[in-house]
Amino acid sequence: MRFGLTDGQPKNFDEIGKVYSVTRERIRQIESKTMSKLRHPSRSQVLRDYLD
């Protein structure tokens, strides 16, 4: 949703928050935590295997 992968239209935190009935701050926190996990070396190696 955030980057428009589902429908081609990027959404901001407010729009996503309304869909899931949570605040934009909570959406920001979820995104931040997810990005941190994806940047972790053990997880990034698994993702690299898909890209190669």
PDB file of N, CA and C in Angstrom:
ATOM      1  N   MET A   1       0.817  -1.188   0.000  1.00  0.00           N
ATOM      2  CA  MET A   1       0.000   0.000   0.000  1.00  0.00           C
ATOM      3  C   MET A   1       0.864   1.257   0.000  1.00  0.00           C
ATOM      4  N   ARG A   2       1.806   1.288   0.877  1.00  0.00           N
ATOM      5  CA  ARG A   2       2.613   2.493   1.063  1.00  0.00           C
ATOM      6  C   ARG A   2       3.295   2.915  -0.230  1.00  0.00           C
ATOM      7  N   PHE A   3       3.820   1.947  -0.968  1.00  0.00           N
ATOM      8  CA  PHE A   3       4.568   2.265  -2.174  1.00  0.00           C
ATOM      9  C   PHE A   3       3.788   1.980  -3.449  1.00  0.00           C
ATOM     10  N   GLY A   4       2.514   1.671  -3.325  1.00  0.00           N
ATOM     11  CA  GLY A   4       1.671   1.472  -4.491  1.00  0.00           C
ATOM     12  C   GLY A   4       1.830   0.130  -5.172  1.00  0.00           C
ATOM     13  N   LEU A   5       2.319  -0.860  -4.467  1.00  0.00           N
ATOM     14  CA  LEU A   5       2.530  -2.171  -5.087  1.00  0.00           C
ATOM     15  C   LEU A   5       1.228  -2.905  -5.370  1.00  0.00           C
ATOM     16  N   THR A   6       0.177  -2.621  -4.631  1.00  0.00           N
ATOM     17  CA  THR A   6      -1.080  -3.343  -4.832  1.00  0.00           C
ATOM     18  C   THR A   6      -1.930  -2.746  -5.941  1.00  0.00           C
ATOM     19  N   ASP A   7      -1.971  -1.417  -6.022  1.00  0.00           N
ATOM     20  CA  ASP A   7      -2.850  -0.790  -7.012  1.00  0.00           C
ATOM     21  C   ASP A   7      -2.181   0.297  -7.849  1.00  0.00           C
ATOM     22  N   GLY A   8      -0.877   0.450  -7.704  1.00  0.00           N
ATOM     23  CA  GLY A   8      -0.160   1.452  -8.472  1.00  0.00           C
ATOM     24  C   GLY A   8      -0.244   2.861  -7.908  1.00  0.00           C
ATOM     25  N   GLN A   9      -0.974   3.042  -6.822  1.00  0.00           N
ATOM     26  CA  GLN A   9      -1.135   4.351  -6.201  1.00  0.00           C
ATOM     27  C   GLN A   9      -0.506   4.351  -4.811  1.00  0.00           C
ATOM     28  N   PRO A  10       0.607   5.051  -4.636  1.00  0.00           N
ATOM     29  CA  PRO A  10       1.215   5.130  -3.300  1.00  0.00           C
ATOM     30  C   PRO A  10       0.263   5.784  -2.304  1.00  0.00           C
ATOM     31  N   LYS A  11       0.273   5.311  -1.088  1.00  0.00           N
ATOM     32  CA  LYS A  11      -0.598   5.847  -0.036  1.00  0.00           C
ATOM     33  C   LYS A  11       0.259   6.470   1.060  1.00  0.00           C
ATOM     34  N   ASN A  12      -0.280   7.495   1.703  1.00  0.00           N
ATOM     35  CA  ASN A  12       0.432   8.080   2.835  1.00  0.00           C
ATOM     36  C   ASN A  12      -0.019   7.395   4.123  1.00  0.00           C
ATOM     37  N   PHE A  13       0.627   7.747   5.224  1.00  0.00           N
ATOM     38  CA  PHE A  13       0.326   7.097   6.498  1.00  0.00           C
ATOM     39  C   PHE A  13      -1.128   7.300   6.914  1.00  0.00           C
ATOM     40  N   ASP A  14      -1.681   8.477   6.649  1.00  0.00           N
ATOM     41  CA  ASP A  14      -3.084   8.739   7.006  1.00  0.00           C
ATOM     42  C   ASP A  14      -4.032   7.799   6.269  1.00  0.00           C
ATOM     43  N   GLU A  15      -3.821   7.644   4.974  1.00  0.00           N
ATOM     44  CA  GLU A  15      -4.697   6.793   4.166  1.00  0.00           C
ATOM     45  C   GLU A  15      -4.626   5.335   4.612  1.00  0.00           C
ATOM     46  N   ILE A  16      -3.442   4.861   4.885  1.00  0.00           N
ATOM     47  CA  ILE A  16      -3.280   3.477   5.337  1.00  0.00           C
ATOM     48  C   ILE A  16      -3.892   3.303   6.718  1.00  0.00           C
ATOM     49  N   GLY A  17      -3.695   4.277   7.592  1.00  0.00           N
ATOM     50  CA  GLY A  17      -4.269   4.226   8.932  1.00  0.00           C
ATOM     51  C   GLY A  17      -5.779   4.119   8.913  1.00  0.00           C
ATOM     52  N   LYS A  18      -6.418   4.827   7.996  1.00  0.00           N
ATOM     53  CA  LYS A  18      -7.882   4.757   7.895  1.00  0.00           C
ATOM     54  C   LYS A  18      -8.346   3.366   7.466  1.00  0.00           C
ATOM     55  N   VAL A  19      -7.609   2.750   6.559  1.00  0.00           N
ATOM     56  CA  VAL A  19      -7.966   1.400   6.102  1.00  0.00           C
ATOM     57  C   VAL A  19      -7.925   0.408   7.255  1.00  0.00           C
ATOM     58  N   TYR A  20      -6.913   0.519   8.107  1.00  0.00           N
ATOM     59  CA  TYR A  20      -6.719  -0.434   9.199  1.00  0.00           C
ATOM     60  C   TYR A  20      -7.204   0.068  10.554  1.00  0.00           C
ATOM     61  N   SER A  21      -7.816   1.234  10.566  1.00  0.00           N
ATOM     62  CA  SER A  21      -8.364   1.828  11.799  1.00  0.00           C
ATOM     63  C   SER A  21      -7.310   1.998  12.893  1.00  0.00           C
ATOM     64  N   VAL A  22      -6.156   2.511  12.490  1.00  0.00           N
ATOM     65  CA  VAL A  22      -5.097   2.849  13.438  1.00  0.00           C
ATOM     66  C   VAL A  22      -4.559   4.231  13.073  1.00  0.00           C
ATOM     67  N   THR A  23      -3.762   4.799  13.964  1.00  0.00           N
ATOM     68  CA  THR A  23      -3.230   6.133  13.710  1.00  0.00           C
ATOM     69  C   THR A  23      -2.091   6.094  12.696  1.00  0.00           C
ATOM     70  N   ARG A  24      -1.827   7.245  12.112  1.00  0.00           N
ATOM     71  CA  ARG A  24      -0.705   7.321  11.177  1.00  0.00           C
ATOM     72  C   ARG A  24       0.617   7.063  11.886  1.00  0.00           C
ATOM     73  N   GLU A  25       0.689   7.428  13.167  1.00  0.00           N
ATOM     74  CA  GLU A  25       1.905   7.172  13.941  1.00  0.00           C
ATOM     75  C   GLU A  25       2.142   5.673  14.088  1.00  0.00           C
ATOM     76  N   ARG A  26       1.087   4.914  14.303  1.00  0.00           N
ATOM     77  CA  ARG A  26       1.227   3.457  14.429  1.00  0.00           C
ATOM     78  C   ARG A  26       1.692   2.859  13.105  1.00  0.00           C
ATOM     79  N   ILE A  27       1.169   3.356  12.002  1.00  0.00           N
ATOM     80  CA  ILE A  27       1.608   2.882  10.688  1.00  0.00           C
ATOM     81  C   ILE A  27       3.086   3.203  10.495  1.00  0.00           C
ATOM     82  N   ARG A  28       3.507   4.393  10.891  1.00  0.00           N
ATOM     83  CA  ARG A  28       4.912   4.775  10.787  1.00  0.00           C
ATOM     84  C   ARG A  28       5.793   3.848  11.617  1.00  0.00           C
ATOM     85  N   GLN A  29       5.332   3.517  12.832  1.00  0.00           N
ATOM     86  CA  GLN A  29       6.093   2.618  13.703  1.00  0.00           C
ATOM     87  C   GLN A  29       6.225   1.232  13.080  1.00  0.00           C
ATOM     88  N   ILE A  30       5.141   0.731  12.527  1.00  0.00           N
ATOM     89  CA  ILE A  30       5.158  -0.594  11.898  1.00  0.00           C
ATOM     90  C   ILE A  30       6.117  -0.596  10.710  1.00  0.00           C
ATOM     91  N   GLU A  31       6.045   0.437   9.883  1.00  0.00           N
ATOM     92  CA  GLU A  31       6.945   0.523   8.736  1.00  0.00           C
ATOM     93  C   GLU A  31       8.406   0.590   9.186  1.00  0.00           C
ATOM     94  N   SER A  32       8.670   1.389  10.190  1.00  0.00           N
ATOM     95  CA  SER A  32      10.031   1.544  10.698  1.00  0.00           C
ATOM     96  C   SER A  32      10.585   0.224  11.223  1.00  0.00           C
ATOM     97  N   LYS A  33       9.789  -0.486  11.993  1.00  0.00           N
ATOM     98  CA  LYS A  33      10.224  -1.773  12.544  1.00  0.00           C
ATOM     99  C   LYS A  33      10.448  -2.794  11.427  1.00  0.00           C
ATOM    100  N   THR A  34       9.571  -2.802  10.453  1.00  0.00           N
ATOM    101  CA  THR A  34       9.696  -3.734   9.338  1.00  0.00           C
ATOM    102  C   THR A  34      10.959  -3.458   8.532  1.00  0.00           C
ATOM    103  N   MET A  35      11.220  -2.189   8.255  1.00  0.00           N
ATOM    104  CA  MET A  35      12.417  -1.841   7.491  1.00  0.00           C
ATOM    105  C   MET A  35      13.686  -2.205   8.261  1.00  0.00           C
ATOM    106  N   SER A  36      13.669  -2.042   9.567  1.00  0.00           N
ATOM    107  CA  SER A  36      14.825  -2.432  10.386  1.00  0.00           C
ATOM    108  C   SER A  36      15.071  -3.929  10.289  1.00  0.00           C
ATOM    109  N   LYS A  37      13.998  -4.696  10.325  1.00  0.00           N
ATOM    110  CA  LYS A  37      14.135  -6.150  10.209  1.00  0.00           C
ATOM    111  C   LYS A  37      14.684  -6.533   8.843  1.00  0.00           C
ATOM    112  N   LEU A  38      14.212  -5.881   7.800  1.00  0.00           N
ATOM    113  CA  LEU A  38      14.677  -6.213   6.456  1.00  0.00           C
ATOM    114  C   LEU A  38      16.141  -5.838   6.249  1.00  0.00           C
ATOM    115  N   ARG A  39      16.607  -4.832   6.956  1.00  0.00           N
ATOM    116  CA  ARG A  39      18.006  -4.409   6.839  1.00  0.00           C
ATOM    117  C   ARG A  39      18.960  -5.299   7.628  1.00  0.00           C
ATOM    118  N   HIS A  40      18.446  -6.116   8.520  1.00  0.00           N
ATOM    119  CA  HIS A  40      19.294  -6.978   9.344  1.00  0.00           C
ATOM    120  C   HIS A  40      20.001  -7.985   8.433  1.00  0.00           C
ATOM    121  N   PRO A  41      21.308  -8.182   8.636  1.00  0.00           N
ATOM    122  CA  PRO A  41      22.088  -9.046   7.742  1.00  0.00           C
ATOM    123  C   PRO A  41      21.524 -10.454   7.551  1.00  0.00           C
ATOM    124  N   SER A  42      21.029 -11.073   8.606  1.00  0.00           N
ATOM    125  CA  SER A  42      20.533 -12.447   8.453  1.00  0.00           C
ATOM    126  C   SER A  42      19.296 -12.495   7.564  1.00  0.00           C
ATOM    127  N   ARG A  43      18.467 -11.493   7.632  1.00  0.00           N
ATOM    128  CA  ARG A  43      17.269 -11.466   6.791  1.00  0.00           C
ATOM    129  C   ARG A  43      17.590 -10.981   5.383  1.00  0.00           C
ATOM    130  N   SER A  44      18.517 -10.046   5.276  1.00  0.00           N
ATOM    131  CA  SER A  44      18.820  -9.506   3.954  1.00  0.00           C
ATOM    132  C   SER A  44      19.446 -10.576   3.063  1.00  0.00           C
ATOM    133  N   GLN A  45      20.185 -11.518   3.635  1.00  0.00           N
ATOM    134  CA  GLN A  45      20.767 -12.593   2.833  1.00  0.00           C
ATOM    135  C   GLN A  45      19.683 -13.463   2.221  1.00  0.00           C
ATOM    136  N   VAL A  46      18.651 -13.750   2.975  1.00  0.00           N
ATOM    137  CA  VAL A  46      17.537 -14.547   2.449  1.00  0.00           C
ATOM    138  C   VAL A  46      16.883 -13.811   1.288  1.00  0.00           C
ATOM    139  N   LEU A  47      16.697 -12.515   1.428  1.00  0.00           N
ATOM    140  CA  LEU A  47      16.088 -11.730   0.359  1.00  0.00           C
ATOM    141  C   LEU A  47      16.985 -11.664  -0.870  1.00  0.00           C
ATOM    142  N   ARG A  48      18.293 -11.593  -0.666  1.00  0.00           N
ATOM    143  CA  ARG A  48      19.222 -11.540  -1.796  1.00  0.00           C
ATOM    144  C   ARG A  48      19.138 -12.814  -2.630  1.00  0.00           C
ATOM    145  N   ASP A  49      18.896 -13.936  -1.982  1.00  0.00           N
ATOM    146  CA  ASP A  49      18.766 -15.193  -2.715  1.00  0.00           C
ATOM    147  C   ASP A  49      17.619 -15.127  -3.719  1.00  0.00           C
ATOM    148  N   TYR A  50      16.561 -14.412  -3.381  1.00  0.00           N
ATOM    149  CA  TYR A  50      15.436 -14.264  -4.299  1.00  0.00           C
ATOM    150  C   TYR A  50      15.766 -13.326  -5.457  1.00  0.00           C
ATOM    151  N   LEU A  51      16.636 -12.372  -5.218  1.00  0.00           N
ATOM    152  CA  LEU A  51      16.965 -11.385  -6.242  1.00  0.00           C
ATOM    153  C   LEU A  51      18.003 -11.883  -7.233  1.00  0.00           C
ATOM    154  N   ASP A  52      18.798 -12.833  -6.837  1.00  0.00           N
ATOM    155  CA  ASP A  52      19.858 -13.347  -7.730  1.00  0.00           C
ATOM    156  C   ASP A  52      19.344 -14.377  -8.700  1.00  0.00           C
TER     157      ASP A  52
END
